[in-house]
């Protein structure tokens, strides 16, 4: 299994809000930045955040990705809370 797929699956597992709000999440490695680019999207709204390789591996091992969790909550607050964009 590819590391990007493992990261994506683990993030979805660790953060049930992704499924709850029907968000899309992808992980791609950036050679230029030497980090993983995590993209959250819902319709036209998109947020990209970066996870360092060491943190991504910790995430795969089951540790919460704290920085990513903060970004996810910010995305949900900005695009989902109080709007019909992320109806459950």
C-alpha atoms as a PDB file:
ATOM      1  CA  UNK A   1       0.000   0.000   0.000  1.00  0.00           C
ATOM      2  CA  UNK A   2       1.302   3.448  -0.870  1.00  0.00           C
ATOM      3  CA  UNK A   3       2.240   5.792   1.967  1.00  0.00           C
ATOM      4  CA  UNK A   4      -0.142   8.507   0.672  1.00  0.00           C
ATOM      5  CA  UNK A   5      -3.036   6.041   0.808  1.00  0.00           C
ATOM      6  CA  UNK A   6      -2.010   4.966   4.321  1.00  0.00           C
ATOM      7  CA  UNK A   7      -1.887   8.578   5.476  1.00  0.00           C
ATOM      8  CA  UNK A   8      -5.283   9.344   3.963  1.00  0.00           C
ATOM      9  CA  UNK A   9      -6.896   6.251   5.498  1.00  0.00           C
ATOM     10  CA  UNK A  10      -5.381   6.937   8.925  1.00  0.00           C
ATOM     11  CA  UNK A  11      -6.478  10.591   8.881  1.00  0.00           C
ATOM     12  CA  UNK A  12     -10.032   9.497   8.025  1.00  0.00           C
ATOM     13  CA  UNK A  13      -9.891   6.937  10.849  1.00  0.00           C
ATOM     14  CA  UNK A  14      -8.515   9.405  13.424  1.00  0.00           C
ATOM     15  CA  UNK A  15     -10.843  12.262  12.465  1.00  0.00           C
ATOM     16  CA  UNK A  16     -14.445  11.017  12.115  1.00  0.00           C
ATOM     17  CA  UNK A  17     -15.518  14.591  11.287  1.00  0.00           C
ATOM     18  CA  UNK A  18     -14.249  13.952   7.754  1.00  0.00           C
ATOM     19  CA  UNK A  19     -16.894  11.294   7.130  1.00  0.00           C
ATOM     20  CA  UNK A  20     -19.499  13.088   9.238  1.00  0.00           C
ATOM     21  CA  UNK A  21     -19.297  16.177   7.004  1.00  0.00           C
ATOM     22  CA  UNK A  22     -18.603  14.153   3.828  1.00  0.00           C
ATOM     23  CA  UNK A  23     -15.277  15.883   3.192  1.00  0.00           C
ATOM     24  CA  UNK A  24     -12.756  14.644   0.642  1.00  0.00           C
ATOM     25  CA  UNK A  25      -9.148  14.187   1.744  1.00  0.00           C
ATOM     26  CA  UNK A  26      -6.045  13.353  -0.280  1.00  0.00           C
ATOM     27  CA  UNK A  27      -2.334  13.102   0.501  1.00  0.00           C
ATOM     28  CA  UNK A  28       0.430  13.724  -2.018  1.00  0.00           C
ATOM     29  CA  UNK A  29       4.145  13.991  -1.442  1.00  0.00           C
ATOM     30  CA  UNK A  30       5.818  17.234  -2.544  1.00  0.00           C
ATOM     31  CA  UNK A  31       9.429  16.682  -3.598  1.00  0.00           C
ATOM     32  CA  UNK A  32       9.858  20.447  -3.696  1.00  0.00           C
ATOM     33  CA  UNK A  33       8.779  20.939  -0.072  1.00  0.00           C
ATOM     34  CA  UNK A  34       9.845  17.465   1.122  1.00  0.00           C
ATOM     35  CA  UNK A  35       6.521  17.203   2.959  1.00  0.00           C
ATOM     36  CA  UNK A  36       3.119  15.649   2.499  1.00  0.00           C
ATOM     37  CA  UNK A  37       0.433  17.953   1.121  1.00  0.00           C
ATOM     38  CA  UNK A  38      -2.941  17.093   2.609  1.00  0.00           C
ATOM     39  CA  UNK A  39      -5.926  18.491   0.745  1.00  0.00           C
ATOM     40  CA  UNK A  40      -9.373  18.773   2.308  1.00  0.00           C
ATOM     41  CA  UNK A  41     -12.254  19.698   0.064  1.00  0.00           C
ATOM     42  CA  UNK A  42     -15.987  20.076   0.082  1.00  0.00           C
ATOM     43  CA  UNK A  43     -17.491  21.148  -3.219  1.00  0.00           C
ATOM     44  CA  UNK A  44     -15.512  24.143  -4.470  1.00  0.00           C
ATOM     45  CA  UNK A  45     -13.934  24.877  -1.074  1.00  0.00           C
ATOM     46  CA  UNK A  46     -10.415  23.541  -0.598  1.00  0.00           C
ATOM     47  CA  UNK A  47      -7.780  23.704   2.116  1.00  0.00           C
ATOM     48  CA  UNK A  48      -4.233  22.456   1.752  1.00  0.00           C
ATOM     49  CA  UNK A  49      -1.954  21.842   4.669  1.00  0.00           C
ATOM     50  CA  UNK A  50       1.469  20.264   5.049  1.00  0.00           C
ATOM     51  CA  UNK A  51       2.599  17.388   7.236  1.00  0.00           C
ATOM     52  CA  UNK A  52       6.284  16.676   7.734  1.00  0.00           C
ATOM     53  CA  UNK A  53       7.299  13.144   6.805  1.00  0.00           C
ATOM     54  CA  UNK A  54       8.121  12.179  10.416  1.00  0.00           C
ATOM     55  CA  UNK A  55       4.729  13.442  11.596  1.00  0.00           C
ATOM     56  CA  UNK A  56       3.009  11.612   8.731  1.00  0.00           C
ATOM     57  CA  UNK A  57       4.643   8.350   9.792  1.00  0.00           C
ATOM     58  CA  UNK A  58       3.547   8.940  13.398  1.00  0.00           C
ATOM     59  CA  UNK A  59       0.042   9.549  12.087  1.00  0.00           C
ATOM     60  CA  UNK A  60       0.099   6.195  10.253  1.00  0.00           C
ATOM     61  CA  UNK A  61       1.163   4.562  13.517  1.00  0.00           C
ATOM     62  CA  UNK A  62      -1.978   5.903  15.168  1.00  0.00           C
ATOM     63  CA  UNK A  63      -0.910   9.164  16.781  1.00  0.00           C
ATOM     64  CA  UNK A  64      -3.183  12.108  16.166  1.00  0.00           C
ATOM     65  CA  UNK A  65      -1.737  14.635  13.793  1.00  0.00           C
ATOM     66  CA  UNK A  66      -2.176  17.686  16.019  1.00  0.00           C
ATOM     67  CA  UNK A  67      -1.375  20.336  13.423  1.00  0.00           C
ATOM     68  CA  UNK A  68      -3.643  18.631  10.899  1.00  0.00           C
ATOM     69  CA  UNK A  69      -6.420  18.396  13.496  1.00  0.00           C
ATOM     70  CA  UNK A  70      -6.232  22.158  14.017  1.00  0.00           C
ATOM     71  CA  UNK A  71      -6.413  22.740  10.264  1.00  0.00           C
ATOM     72  CA  UNK A  72      -9.376  20.353   9.946  1.00  0.00           C
ATOM     73  CA  UNK A  73     -11.309  22.128  12.673  1.00  0.00           C
ATOM     74  CA  UNK A  74     -10.568  25.466  11.012  1.00  0.00           C
ATOM     75  CA  UNK A  75     -11.896  24.133   7.703  1.00  0.00           C
ATOM     76  CA  UNK A  76     -15.049  22.815   9.369  1.00  0.00           C
ATOM     77  CA  UNK A  77     -15.571  26.107  11.216  1.00  0.00           C
ATOM     78  CA  UNK A  78     -15.055  28.162   8.048  1.00  0.00           C
ATOM     79  CA  UNK A  79     -17.067  26.100   5.573  1.00  0.00           C
ATOM     80  CA  UNK A  80     -19.397  23.818   7.501  1.00  0.00           C
ATOM     81  CA  UNK A  81     -20.513  25.350  10.773  1.00  0.00           C
ATOM     82  CA  UNK A  82     -23.649  27.400  10.467  1.00  0.00           C
ATOM     83  CA  UNK A  83     -24.130  26.739   6.768  1.00  0.00           C
ATOM     84  CA  UNK A  84     -25.786  24.171   4.566  1.00  0.00           C
ATOM     85  CA  UNK A  85     -22.465  23.329   2.890  1.00  0.00           C
ATOM     86  CA  UNK A  86     -21.827  20.284   5.097  1.00  0.00           C
ATOM     87  CA  UNK A  87     -25.303  19.056   5.957  1.00  0.00           C
ATOM     88  CA  UNK A  88     -25.169  15.743   7.739  1.00  0.00           C
END
